[in-house]
């Protein structure tokens, strides 16, 4: 992953996930997030 950072409320960021080591045509790719003291949670997913 890359693209994280500090931004003000109302702003935008674009995260990237570079994948390697397989053919991903039959994969589902997901984004999760984990805030301090909280469990990791699902954000979004895409079928390749």
ModelCIF file with pLDDT and N, C-alpha, C, O atoms, coordinates in Angstrom:
data_MODEL
#
_entry.id   MODEL 
#
_entity.id                         1 
_entity.type                       polymer 
_entity.pdbx_number_of_molecules   1 
#
_entity_poly.entity_id                      1 
_entity_poly.type                           'polypeptide(L)' 
_entity_poly.nstd_linkage                   no 
_entity_poly.nstd_monomer                   no 
_entity_poly.pdbx_seq_one_letter_code       
;(UNK)(UNK)(UNK)(UNK)(UNK)(UNK)(UNK)(UNK)(UNK)(UNK)(UNK)(UNK)(UNK)(UNK)(UNK)(UNK)
(UNK)(UNK)(UNK)(UNK)(UNK)(UNK)(UNK)(UNK)(UNK)(UNK)(UNK)(UNK)(UNK)(UNK)(UNK)(UNK)
(UNK)(UNK)(UNK)(UNK)(UNK)(UNK)(UNK)(UNK)(UNK)(UNK)(UNK)(UNK)(UNK)(UNK)(UNK)(UNK)
;
_entity_poly.pdbx_seq_one_letter_code_can   XXXXXXXXXXXXXXXXXXXXXXXXXXXXXXXXXXXXXXXXXXXXXXXX 
_entity_poly.pdbx_strand_id                 A 
#
loop_
_entity_poly_seq.entity_id 
_entity_poly_seq.num 
_entity_poly_seq.mon_id 
_entity_poly_seq.hetero 
1 1  UNK n 
1 2  UNK n 
1 3  UNK n 
1 4  UNK n 
1 5  UNK n 
1 6  UNK n 
1 7  UNK n 
1 8  UNK n 
1 9  UNK n 
1 10 UNK n 
1 11 UNK n 
1 12 UNK n 
1 13 UNK n 
1 14 UNK n 
1 15 UNK n 
1 16 UNK n 
1 17 UNK n 
1 18 UNK n 
1 19 UNK n 
1 20 UNK n 
1 21 UNK n 
1 22 UNK n 
1 23 UNK n 
1 24 UNK n 
1 25 UNK n 
1 26 UNK n 
1 27 UNK n 
1 28 UNK n 
1 29 UNK n 
1 30 UNK n 
1 31 UNK n 
1 32 UNK n 
1 33 UNK n 
1 34 UNK n 
1 35 UNK n 
1 36 UNK n 
1 37 UNK n 
1 38 UNK n 
1 39 UNK n 
1 40 UNK n 
1 41 UNK n 
1 42 UNK n 
1 43 UNK n 
1 44 UNK n 
1 45 UNK n 
1 46 UNK n 
1 47 UNK n 
1 48 UNK n 
#
_struct_asym.id          A 
_struct_asym.entity_id   1 
#
loop_
_ma_qa_metric.id 
_ma_qa_metric.mode 
_ma_qa_metric.name 
_ma_qa_metric.software_group_id 
_ma_qa_metric.type 
1 global pLDDT . pLDDT 
2 local  pLDDT . pLDDT 
#
_ma_qa_metric_global.metric_id      1 
_ma_qa_metric_global.metric_value   96.19 
_ma_qa_metric_global.model_id       1 
_ma_qa_metric_global.ordinal_id     1 
#
loop_
_ma_qa_metric_local.label_asym_id 
_ma_qa_metric_local.label_comp_id 
_ma_qa_metric_local.label_seq_id 
_ma_qa_metric_local.metric_id 
_ma_qa_metric_local.metric_value 
_ma_qa_metric_local.model_id 
_ma_qa_metric_local.ordinal_id 
A UNK 1  2 97.00 1 1  
A UNK 2  2 97.00 1 2  
A UNK 3  2 98.00 1 3  
A UNK 4  2 97.00 1 4  
A UNK 5  2 97.00 1 5  
A UNK 6  2 98.00 1 6  
A UNK 7  2 98.00 1 7  
A UNK 8  2 98.00 1 8  
A UNK 9  2 98.00 1 9  
A UNK 10 2 98.00 1 10 
A UNK 11 2 98.00 1 11 
A UNK 12 2 98.00 1 12 
A UNK 13 2 98.00 1 13 
A UNK 14 2 98.00 1 14 
A UNK 15 2 98.00 1 15 
A UNK 16 2 98.00 1 16 
A UNK 17 2 98.00 1 17 
A UNK 18 2 98.00 1 18 
A UNK 19 2 97.00 1 19 
A UNK 20 2 96.00 1 20 
A UNK 21 2 94.00 1 21 
A UNK 22 2 92.00 1 22 
A UNK 23 2 89.00 1 23 
A UNK 24 2 90.00 1 24 
A UNK 25 2 87.00 1 25 
A UNK 26 2 90.00 1 26 
A UNK 27 2 94.00 1 27 
A UNK 28 2 96.00 1 28 
A UNK 29 2 97.00 1 29 
A UNK 30 2 97.00 1 30 
A UNK 31 2 98.00 1 31 
A UNK 32 2 98.00 1 32 
A UNK 33 2 98.00 1 33 
A UNK 34 2 98.00 1 34 
A UNK 35 2 97.00 1 35 
A UNK 36 2 93.00 1 36 
A UNK 37 2 95.00 1 37 
A UNK 38 2 97.00 1 38 
A UNK 39 2 97.00 1 39 
A UNK 40 2 98.00 1 40 
A UNK 41 2 98.00 1 41 
A UNK 42 2 98.00 1 42 
A UNK 43 2 98.00 1 43 
A UNK 44 2 98.00 1 44 
A UNK 45 2 97.00 1 45 
A UNK 46 2 96.00 1 46 
A UNK 47 2 94.00 1 47 
A UNK 48 2 90.00 1 48 
#
loop_
_atom_site.group_PDB 
_atom_site.id 
_atom_site.type_symbol 
_atom_site.label_atom_id 
_atom_site.label_alt_id 
_atom_site.label_comp_id 
_atom_site.label_asym_id 
_atom_site.label_entity_id 
_atom_site.label_seq_id 
_atom_site.pdbx_PDB_ins_code 
_atom_site.Cartn_x 
_atom_site.Cartn_y 
_atom_site.Cartn_z 
_atom_site.occupancy 
_atom_site.B_iso_or_equiv 
_atom_site.pdbx_formal_charge 
_atom_site.auth_seq_id 
_atom_site.auth_comp_id 
_atom_site.auth_asym_id 
_atom_site.auth_atom_id 
_atom_site.pdbx_PDB_model_num 
ATOM 1   N N  . UNK A 1 1  ? 0.827   -1.200  0.000   1.00 97.00 ? 1  UNK A N  1 
ATOM 2   C CA . UNK A 1 1  ? 0.000   0.000   0.000   1.00 97.00 ? 1  UNK A CA 1 
ATOM 3   C C  . UNK A 1 1  ? 0.864   1.253   0.000   1.00 97.00 ? 1  UNK A C  1 
ATOM 4   O O  . UNK A 1 1  ? 2.010   1.250   0.448   1.00 97.00 ? 1  UNK A O  1 
ATOM 5   N N  . UNK A 1 2  ? 0.275   2.316   -0.516  1.00 97.00 ? 2  UNK A N  1 
ATOM 6   C CA . UNK A 1 2  ? 0.909   3.638   -0.461  1.00 97.00 ? 2  UNK A CA 1 
ATOM 7   C C  . UNK A 1 2  ? -0.181  4.694   -0.579  1.00 97.00 ? 2  UNK A C  1 
ATOM 8   O O  . UNK A 1 2  ? -1.324  4.397   -0.926  1.00 97.00 ? 2  UNK A O  1 
ATOM 9   N N  . UNK A 1 3  ? 0.202   5.937   -0.281  1.00 98.00 ? 3  UNK A N  1 
ATOM 10  C CA . UNK A 1 3  ? -0.730  7.041   -0.489  1.00 98.00 ? 3  UNK A CA 1 
ATOM 11  C C  . UNK A 1 3  ? -1.354  7.620   0.761   1.00 98.00 ? 3  UNK A C  1 
ATOM 12  O O  . UNK A 1 3  ? -2.101  8.594   0.679   1.00 98.00 ? 3  UNK A O  1 
ATOM 13  N N  . UNK A 1 4  ? -1.067  7.047   1.913   1.00 97.00 ? 4  UNK A N  1 
ATOM 14  C CA . UNK A 1 4  ? -1.619  7.605   3.129   1.00 97.00 ? 4  UNK A CA 1 
ATOM 15  C C  . UNK A 1 4  ? -0.972  8.929   3.490   1.00 97.00 ? 4  UNK A C  1 
ATOM 16  O O  . UNK A 1 4  ? 0.005   9.346   2.870   1.00 97.00 ? 4  UNK A O  1 
ATOM 17  N N  . UNK A 1 5  ? -1.529  9.586   4.504   1.00 97.00 ? 5  UNK A N  1 
ATOM 18  C CA . UNK A 1 5  ? -0.976  10.855  4.939   1.00 97.00 ? 5  UNK A CA 1 
ATOM 19  C C  . UNK A 1 5  ? -1.914  11.604  5.842   1.00 97.00 ? 5  UNK A C  1 
ATOM 20  O O  . UNK A 1 5  ? -2.906  11.060  6.327   1.00 97.00 ? 5  UNK A O  1 
ATOM 21  N N  . UNK A 1 6  ? -1.592  12.862  6.065   1.00 98.00 ? 6  UNK A N  1 
ATOM 22  C CA . UNK A 1 6  ? -2.380  13.752  6.922   1.00 98.00 ? 6  UNK A CA 1 
ATOM 23  C C  . UNK A 1 6  ? -3.171  14.707  6.032   1.00 98.00 ? 6  UNK A C  1 
ATOM 24  O O  . UNK A 1 6  ? -2.616  15.327  5.125   1.00 98.00 ? 6  UNK A O  1 
ATOM 25  N N  . UNK A 1 7  ? -4.462  14.817  6.295   1.00 98.00 ? 7  UNK A N  1 
ATOM 26  C CA . UNK A 1 7  ? -5.315  15.681  5.490   1.00 98.00 ? 7  UNK A CA 1 
ATOM 27  C C  . UNK A 1 7  ? -6.360  16.324  6.397   1.00 98.00 ? 7  UNK A C  1 
ATOM 28  O O  . UNK A 1 7  ? -6.743  15.745  7.413   1.00 98.00 ? 7  UNK A O  1 
ATOM 29  N N  . UNK A 1 8  ? -6.812  17.501  6.037   1.00 98.00 ? 8  UNK A N  1 
ATOM 30  C CA . UNK A 1 8  ? -7.855  18.159  6.801   1.00 98.00 ? 8  UNK A CA 1 
ATOM 31  C C  . UNK A 1 8  ? -9.225  17.568  6.454   1.00 98.00 ? 8  UNK A C  1 
ATOM 32  O O  . UNK A 1 8  ? -9.427  17.013  5.374   1.00 98.00 ? 8  UNK A O  1 
ATOM 33  N N  . UNK A 1 9  ? -10.144 17.701  7.384   1.00 98.00 ? 9  UNK A N  1 
ATOM 34  C CA . UNK A 1 9  ? -11.512 17.244  7.136   1.00 98.00 ? 9  UNK A CA 1 
ATOM 35  C C  . UNK A 1 9  ? -12.054 17.911  5.868   1.00 98.00 ? 9  UNK A C  1 
ATOM 36  O O  . UNK A 1 9  ? -11.864 19.105  5.637   1.00 98.00 ? 9  UNK A O  1 
ATOM 37  N N  . UNK A 1 10 ? -12.730 17.104  5.064   1.00 98.00 ? 10 UNK A N  1 
ATOM 38  C CA . UNK A 1 10 ? -13.240 17.587  3.789   1.00 98.00 ? 10 UNK A CA 1 
ATOM 39  C C  . UNK A 1 10 ? -12.287 17.356  2.629   1.00 98.00 ? 10 UNK A C  1 
ATOM 40  O O  . UNK A 1 10 ? -12.669 17.513  1.470   1.00 98.00 ? 10 UNK A O  1 
ATOM 41  N N  . UNK A 1 11 ? -11.060 16.989  2.930   1.00 98.00 ? 11 UNK A N  1 
ATOM 42  C CA . UNK A 1 11 ? -10.068 16.768  1.889   1.00 98.00 ? 11 UNK A CA 1 
ATOM 43  C C  . UNK A 1 11 ? -10.142 15.381  1.277   1.00 98.00 ? 11 UNK A C  1 
ATOM 44  O O  . UNK A 1 11 ? -11.040 14.599  1.588   1.00 98.00 ? 11 UNK A O  1 
ATOM 45  N N  . UNK A 1 12 ? -9.182  15.083  0.396   1.00 98.00 ? 12 UNK A N  1 
ATOM 46  C CA . UNK A 1 12 ? -9.167  13.825  -0.340  1.00 98.00 ? 12 UNK A CA 1 
ATOM 47  C C  . UNK A 1 12 ? -7.791  13.183  -0.289  1.00 98.00 ? 12 UNK A C  1 
ATOM 48  O O  . UNK A 1 12 ? -6.773  13.862  -0.151  1.00 98.00 ? 12 UNK A O  1 
ATOM 49  N N  . UNK A 1 13 ? -7.780  11.875  -0.403  1.00 98.00 ? 13 UNK A N  1 
ATOM 50  C CA . UNK A 1 13 ? -6.554  11.090  -0.561  1.00 98.00 ? 13 UNK A CA 1 
ATOM 51  C C  . UNK A 1 13 ? -6.864  9.928   -1.489  1.00 98.00 ? 13 UNK A C  1 
ATOM 52  O O  . UNK A 1 13 ? -8.007  9.478   -1.574  1.00 98.00 ? 13 UNK A O  1 
ATOM 53  N N  . UNK A 1 14 ? -5.834  9.440   -2.188  1.00 98.00 ? 14 UNK A N  1 
ATOM 54  C CA . UNK A 1 14 ? -5.989  8.226   -2.977  1.00 98.00 ? 14 UNK A CA 1 
ATOM 55  C C  . UNK A 1 14 ? -4.954  7.207   -2.527  1.00 98.00 ? 14 UNK A C  1 
ATOM 56  O O  . UNK A 1 14 ? -3.749  7.445   -2.610  1.00 98.00 ? 14 UNK A O  1 
ATOM 57  N N  . UNK A 1 15 ? -5.436  6.084   -2.055  1.00 98.00 ? 15 UNK A N  1 
ATOM 58  C CA . UNK A 1 15 ? -4.559  4.995   -1.652  1.00 98.00 ? 15 UNK A CA 1 
ATOM 59  C C  . UNK A 1 15 ? -4.347  4.053   -2.830  1.00 98.00 ? 15 UNK A C  1 
ATOM 60  O O  . UNK A 1 15 ? -5.242  3.854   -3.652  1.00 98.00 ? 15 UNK A O  1 
ATOM 61  N N  . UNK A 1 16 ? -3.160  3.481   -2.897  1.00 98.00 ? 16 UNK A N  1 
ATOM 62  C CA . UNK A 1 16 ? -2.831  2.503   -3.937  1.00 98.00 ? 16 UNK A CA 1 
ATOM 63  C C  . UNK A 1 16 ? -2.398  1.199   -3.290  1.00 98.00 ? 16 UNK A C  1 
ATOM 64  O O  . UNK A 1 16 ? -1.810  1.191   -2.208  1.00 98.00 ? 16 UNK A O  1 
ATOM 65  N N  . UNK A 1 17 ? -2.695  0.098   -3.966  1.00 98.00 ? 17 UNK A N  1 
ATOM 66  C CA . UNK A 1 17 ? -2.272  -1.229  -3.527  1.00 98.00 ? 17 UNK A CA 1 
ATOM 67  C C  . UNK A 1 17 ? -1.689  -1.943  -4.740  1.00 98.00 ? 17 UNK A C  1 
ATOM 68  O O  . UNK A 1 17 ? -2.423  -2.357  -5.637  1.00 98.00 ? 17 UNK A O  1 
ATOM 69  N N  . UNK A 1 18 ? -0.376  -2.083  -4.761  1.00 98.00 ? 18 UNK A N  1 
ATOM 70  C CA . UNK A 1 18 ? 0.292   -2.783  -5.849  1.00 98.00 ? 18 UNK A CA 1 
ATOM 71  C C  . UNK A 1 18 ? 0.358   -4.267  -5.522  1.00 98.00 ? 18 UNK A C  1 
ATOM 72  O O  . UNK A 1 18 ? 0.911   -4.663  -4.496  1.00 98.00 ? 18 UNK A O  1 
ATOM 73  N N  . UNK A 1 19 ? -0.210  -5.082  -6.400  1.00 97.00 ? 19 UNK A N  1 
ATOM 74  C CA . UNK A 1 19 ? -0.299  -6.524  -6.173  1.00 97.00 ? 19 UNK A CA 1 
ATOM 75  C C  . UNK A 1 19 ? 0.667   -7.270  -7.090  1.00 97.00 ? 19 UNK A C  1 
ATOM 76  O O  . UNK A 1 19 ? 0.829   -6.911  -8.256  1.00 97.00 ? 19 UNK A O  1 
ATOM 77  N N  . UNK A 1 20 ? 1.301   -8.304  -6.557  1.00 96.00 ? 20 UNK A N  1 
ATOM 78  C CA . UNK A 1 20 ? 2.217   -9.118  -7.353  1.00 96.00 ? 20 UNK A CA 1 
ATOM 79  C C  . UNK A 1 20 ? 2.198   -10.552 -6.852  1.00 96.00 ? 20 UNK A C  1 
ATOM 80  O O  . UNK A 1 20 ? 1.703   -10.838 -5.762  1.00 96.00 ? 20 UNK A O  1 
ATOM 81  N N  . UNK A 1 21 ? 2.747   -11.451 -7.666  1.00 94.00 ? 21 UNK A N  1 
ATOM 82  C CA . UNK A 1 21 ? 2.899   -12.832 -7.240  1.00 94.00 ? 21 UNK A CA 1 
ATOM 83  C C  . UNK A 1 21 ? 1.822   -13.785 -7.691  1.00 94.00 ? 21 UNK A C  1 
ATOM 84  O O  . UNK A 1 21 ? 1.865   -14.969 -7.358  1.00 94.00 ? 21 UNK A O  1 
ATOM 85  N N  . UNK A 1 22 ? 0.857   -13.296 -8.442  1.00 92.00 ? 22 UNK A N  1 
ATOM 86  C CA . UNK A 1 22 ? -0.213  -14.182 -8.917  1.00 92.00 ? 22 UNK A CA 1 
ATOM 87  C C  . UNK A 1 22 ? -0.910  -13.529 -10.100 1.00 92.00 ? 22 UNK A C  1 
ATOM 88  O O  . UNK A 1 22 ? -0.651  -12.375 -10.440 1.00 92.00 ? 22 UNK A O  1 
ATOM 89  N N  . UNK A 1 23 ? -1.791  -14.289 -10.714 1.00 89.00 ? 23 UNK A N  1 
ATOM 90  C CA . UNK A 1 23 ? -2.719  -13.733 -11.690 1.00 89.00 ? 23 UNK A CA 1 
ATOM 91  C C  . UNK A 1 23 ? -4.006  -13.425 -10.943 1.00 89.00 ? 23 UNK A C  1 
ATOM 92  O O  . UNK A 1 23 ? -4.618  -14.323 -10.364 1.00 89.00 ? 23 UNK A O  1 
ATOM 93  N N  . UNK A 1 24 ? -4.414  -12.187 -10.950 1.00 90.00 ? 24 UNK A N  1 
ATOM 94  C CA . UNK A 1 24 ? -5.467  -11.740 -10.052 1.00 90.00 ? 24 UNK A CA 1 
ATOM 95  C C  . UNK A 1 24 ? -6.855  -11.708 -10.676 1.00 90.00 ? 24 UNK A C  1 
ATOM 96  O O  . UNK A 1 24 ? -7.789  -11.171 -10.081 1.00 90.00 ? 24 UNK A O  1 
ATOM 97  N N  . UNK A 1 25 ? -6.994  -12.269 -11.851 1.00 87.00 ? 25 UNK A N  1 
ATOM 98  C CA . UNK A 1 25 ? -8.275  -12.167 -12.549 1.00 87.00 ? 25 UNK A CA 1 
ATOM 99  C C  . UNK A 1 25 ? -9.424  -12.816 -11.792 1.00 87.00 ? 25 UNK A C  1 
ATOM 100 O O  . UNK A 1 25 ? -10.575 -12.424 -11.990 1.00 87.00 ? 25 UNK A O  1 
ATOM 101 N N  . UNK A 1 26 ? -9.154  -13.800 -10.927 1.00 90.00 ? 26 UNK A N  1 
ATOM 102 C CA . UNK A 1 26 ? -10.225 -14.439 -10.163 1.00 90.00 ? 26 UNK A CA 1 
ATOM 103 C C  . UNK A 1 26 ? -10.157 -14.093 -8.680  1.00 90.00 ? 26 UNK A C  1 
ATOM 104 O O  . UNK A 1 26 ? -10.586 -14.873 -7.830  1.00 90.00 ? 26 UNK A O  1 
ATOM 105 N N  . UNK A 1 27 ? -9.622  -12.934 -8.383  1.00 94.00 ? 27 UNK A N  1 
ATOM 106 C CA . UNK A 1 27 ? -9.488  -12.482 -7.004  1.00 94.00 ? 27 UNK A CA 1 
ATOM 107 C C  . UNK A 1 27 ? -10.519 -11.406 -6.675  1.00 94.00 ? 27 UNK A C  1 
ATOM 108 O O  . UNK A 1 27 ? -11.026 -10.700 -7.546  1.00 94.00 ? 27 UNK A O  1 
ATOM 109 N N  . UNK A 1 28 ? -10.805 -11.315 -5.374  1.00 96.00 ? 28 UNK A N  1 
ATOM 110 C CA . UNK A 1 28 ? -11.471 -10.148 -4.805  1.00 96.00 ? 28 UNK A CA 1 
ATOM 111 C C  . UNK A 1 28 ? -10.412 -9.370  -4.031  1.00 96.00 ? 28 UNK A C  1 
ATOM 112 O O  . UNK A 1 28 ? -9.663  -9.938  -3.236  1.00 96.00 ? 28 UNK A O  1 
ATOM 113 N N  . UNK A 1 29 ? -10.363 -8.081  -4.273  1.00 97.00 ? 29 UNK A N  1 
ATOM 114 C CA . UNK A 1 29 ? -9.424  -7.196  -3.582  1.00 97.00 ? 29 UNK A CA 1 
ATOM 115 C C  . UNK A 1 29 ? -10.223 -6.301  -2.640  1.00 97.00 ? 29 UNK A C  1 
ATOM 116 O O  . UNK A 1 29 ? -11.255 -5.745  -3.014  1.00 97.00 ? 29 UNK A O  1 
ATOM 117 N N  . UNK A 1 30 ? -9.726  -6.176  -1.415  1.00 97.00 ? 30 UNK A N  1 
ATOM 118 C CA . UNK A 1 30 ? -10.466 -5.386  -0.435  1.00 97.00 ? 30 UNK A CA 1 
ATOM 119 C C  . UNK A 1 30 ? -9.610  -4.353  0.258   1.00 97.00 ? 30 UNK A C  1 
ATOM 120 O O  . UNK A 1 30 ? -8.384  -4.456  0.299   1.00 97.00 ? 30 UNK A O  1 
ATOM 121 N N  . UNK A 1 31 ? -10.279 -3.355  0.800   1.00 98.00 ? 31 UNK A N  1 
ATOM 122 C CA . UNK A 1 31 ? -9.648  -2.382  1.692   1.00 98.00 ? 31 UNK A CA 1 
ATOM 123 C C  . UNK A 1 31 ? -10.318 -2.499  3.061   1.00 98.00 ? 31 UNK A C  1 
ATOM 124 O O  . UNK A 1 31 ? -11.543 -2.536  3.173   1.00 98.00 ? 31 UNK A O  1 
ATOM 125 N N  . UNK A 1 32 ? -9.496  -2.555  4.076   1.00 98.00 ? 32 UNK A N  1 
ATOM 126 C CA . UNK A 1 32 ? -9.953  -2.569  5.463   1.00 98.00 ? 32 UNK A CA 1 
ATOM 127 C C  . UNK A 1 32 ? -9.261  -1.422  6.193   1.00 98.00 ? 32 UNK A C  1 
ATOM 128 O O  . UNK A 1 32 ? -8.293  -0.852  5.688   1.00 98.00 ? 32 UNK A O  1 
ATOM 129 N N  . UNK A 1 33 ? -9.757  -1.088  7.377   1.00 98.00 ? 33 UNK A N  1 
ATOM 130 C CA . UNK A 1 33 ? -9.088  -0.076  8.187   1.00 98.00 ? 33 UNK A CA 1 
ATOM 131 C C  . UNK A 1 33 ? -9.194  -0.448  9.650   1.00 98.00 ? 33 UNK A C  1 
ATOM 132 O O  . UNK A 1 33 ? -10.109 -1.154  10.074  1.00 98.00 ? 33 UNK A O  1 
ATOM 133 N N  . UNK A 1 34 ? -8.222  0.053   10.414  1.00 98.00 ? 34 UNK A N  1 
ATOM 134 C CA . UNK A 1 34 ? -8.204  -0.206  11.847  1.00 98.00 ? 34 UNK A CA 1 
ATOM 135 C C  . UNK A 1 34 ? -7.805  1.061   12.581  1.00 98.00 ? 34 UNK A C  1 
ATOM 136 O O  . UNK A 1 34 ? -6.686  1.553   12.439  1.00 98.00 ? 34 UNK A O  1 
ATOM 137 N N  . UNK A 1 35 ? -8.733  1.580   13.366  1.00 97.00 ? 35 UNK A N  1 
ATOM 138 C CA . UNK A 1 35 ? -8.477  2.753   14.194  1.00 97.00 ? 35 UNK A CA 1 
ATOM 139 C C  . UNK A 1 35 ? -7.910  2.301   15.532  1.00 97.00 ? 35 UNK A C  1 
ATOM 140 O O  . UNK A 1 35 ? -8.105  1.150   15.921  1.00 97.00 ? 35 UNK A O  1 
ATOM 141 N N  . UNK A 1 36 ? -7.212  3.185   16.245  1.00 93.00 ? 36 UNK A N  1 
ATOM 142 C CA . UNK A 1 36 ? -6.625  2.813   17.536  1.00 93.00 ? 36 UNK A CA 1 
ATOM 143 C C  . UNK A 1 36 ? -7.684  2.285   18.504  1.00 93.00 ? 36 UNK A C  1 
ATOM 144 O O  . UNK A 1 36 ? -8.720  2.919   18.708  1.00 93.00 ? 36 UNK A O  1 
ATOM 145 N N  . UNK A 1 37 ? -7.421  1.140   19.088  1.00 95.00 ? 37 UNK A N  1 
ATOM 146 C CA . UNK A 1 37 ? -8.328  0.566   20.058  1.00 95.00 ? 37 UNK A CA 1 
ATOM 147 C C  . UNK A 1 37 ? -9.553  -0.106  19.486  1.00 95.00 ? 37 UNK A C  1 
ATOM 148 O O  . UNK A 1 37 ? -10.430 -0.544  20.231  1.00 95.00 ? 37 UNK A O  1 
ATOM 149 N N  . UNK A 1 38 ? -9.623  -0.192  18.149  1.00 97.00 ? 38 UNK A N  1 
ATOM 150 C CA . UNK A 1 38 ? -10.798 -0.793  17.515  1.00 97.00 ? 38 UNK A CA 1 
ATOM 151 C C  . UNK A 1 38 ? -10.382 -1.986  16.658  1.00 97.00 ? 38 UNK A C  1 
ATOM 152 O O  . UNK A 1 38 ? -9.213  -2.151  16.309  1.00 97.00 ? 38 UNK A O  1 
ATOM 153 N N  . UNK A 1 39 ? -11.365 -2.802  16.334  1.00 97.00 ? 39 UNK A N  1 
ATOM 154 C CA . UNK A 1 39 ? -11.089 -3.938  15.470  1.00 97.00 ? 39 UNK A CA 1 
ATOM 155 C C  . UNK A 1 39 ? -10.965 -3.488  14.017  1.00 97.00 ? 39 UNK A C  1 
ATOM 156 O O  . UNK A 1 39 ? -11.481 -2.443  13.621  1.00 97.00 ? 39 UNK A O  1 
ATOM 157 N N  . UNK A 1 40 ? -10.275 -4.296  13.248  1.00 98.00 ? 40 UNK A N  1 
ATOM 158 C CA . UNK A 1 40 ? -10.150 -4.023  11.827  1.00 98.00 ? 40 UNK A CA 1 
ATOM 159 C C  . UNK A 1 40 ? -11.522 -4.201  11.178  1.00 98.00 ? 40 UNK A C  1 
ATOM 160 O O  . UNK A 1 40 ? -12.224 -5.175  11.449  1.00 98.00 ? 40 UNK A O  1 
ATOM 161 N N  . UNK A 1 41 ? -11.898 -3.248  10.315  1.00 98.00 ? 41 UNK A N  1 
ATOM 162 C CA . UNK A 1 41 ? -13.214 -3.289  9.694   1.00 98.00 ? 41 UNK A CA 1 
ATOM 163 C C  . UNK A 1 41 ? -13.134 -3.166  8.179   1.00 98.00 ? 41 UNK A C  1 
ATOM 164 O O  . UNK A 1 41 ? -12.215 -2.566  7.622   1.00 98.00 ? 41 UNK A O  1 
ATOM 165 N N  . UNK A 1 42 ? -14.127 -3.754  7.541   1.00 98.00 ? 42 UNK A N  1 
ATOM 166 C CA . UNK A 1 42 ? -14.221 -3.718  6.087   1.00 98.00 ? 42 UNK A CA 1 
ATOM 167 C C  . UNK A 1 42 ? -14.589 -2.318  5.609   1.00 98.00 ? 42 UNK A C  1 
ATOM 168 O O  . UNK A 1 42 ? -15.398 -1.628  6.229   1.00 98.00 ? 42 UNK A O  1 
ATOM 169 N N  . UNK A 1 43 ? -13.976 -1.907  4.488   1.00 98.00 ? 43 UNK A N  1 
ATOM 170 C CA . UNK A 1 43 ? -14.280 -0.615  3.892   1.00 98.00 ? 43 UNK A CA 1 
ATOM 171 C C  . UNK A 1 43 ? -14.901 -0.780  2.501   1.00 98.00 ? 43 UNK A C  1 
ATOM 172 O O  . UNK A 1 43 ? -15.990 -0.273  2.233   1.00 98.00 ? 43 UNK A O  1 
ATOM 173 N N  . UNK A 1 44 ? -14.198 -1.492  1.628   1.00 98.00 ? 44 UNK A N  1 
ATOM 174 C CA . UNK A 1 44 ? -14.668 -1.629  0.242   1.00 98.00 ? 44 UNK A CA 1 
ATOM 175 C C  . UNK A 1 44 ? -13.979 -2.825  -0.400  1.00 98.00 ? 44 UNK A C  1 
ATOM 176 O O  . UNK A 1 44 ? -12.929 -3.274  0.061   1.00 98.00 ? 44 UNK A O  1 
ATOM 177 N N  . UNK A 1 45 ? -14.583 -3.335  -1.469  1.00 97.00 ? 45 UNK A N  1 
ATOM 178 C CA . UNK A 1 45 ? -13.973 -4.447  -2.205  1.00 97.00 ? 45 UNK A CA 1 
ATOM 179 C C  . UNK A 1 45 ? -14.361 -4.376  -3.671  1.00 97.00 ? 45 UNK A C  1 
ATOM 180 O O  . UNK A 1 45 ? -15.359 -3.758  -4.045  1.00 97.00 ? 45 UNK A O  1 
ATOM 181 N N  . UNK A 1 46 ? -13.540 -5.029  -4.493  1.00 96.00 ? 46 UNK A N  1 
ATOM 182 C CA . UNK A 1 46 ? -13.779 -5.061  -5.933  1.00 96.00 ? 46 UNK A CA 1 
ATOM 183 C C  . UNK A 1 46 ? -13.399 -6.428  -6.468  1.00 96.00 ? 46 UNK A C  1 
ATOM 184 O O  . UNK A 1 46 ? -12.377 -6.995  -6.080  1.00 96.00 ? 46 UNK A O  1 
ATOM 185 N N  . UNK A 1 47 ? -14.218 -6.948  -7.351  1.00 94.00 ? 47 UNK A N  1 
ATOM 186 C CA . UNK A 1 47 ? -13.876 -8.185  -8.049  1.00 94.00 ? 47 UNK A CA 1 
ATOM 187 C C  . UNK A 1 47 ? -12.999 -7.828  -9.239  1.00 94.00 ? 47 UNK A C  1 
ATOM 188 O O  . UNK A 1 47 ? -13.369 -7.010  -10.082 1.00 94.00 ? 47 UNK A O  1 
ATOM 189 N N  . UNK A 1 48 ? -11.811 -8.468  -9.292  1.00 90.00 ? 48 UNK A N  1 
ATOM 190 C CA . UNK A 1 48 ? -10.900 -8.069  -10.353 1.00 90.00 ? 48 UNK A CA 1 
ATOM 191 C C  . UNK A 1 48 ? -11.514 -8.336  -11.720 1.00 90.00 ? 48 UNK A C  1 
ATOM 192 O O  . UNK A 1 48 ? -10.886 -8.061  -12.743 1.00 90.00 ? 48 UNK A O  1 
#
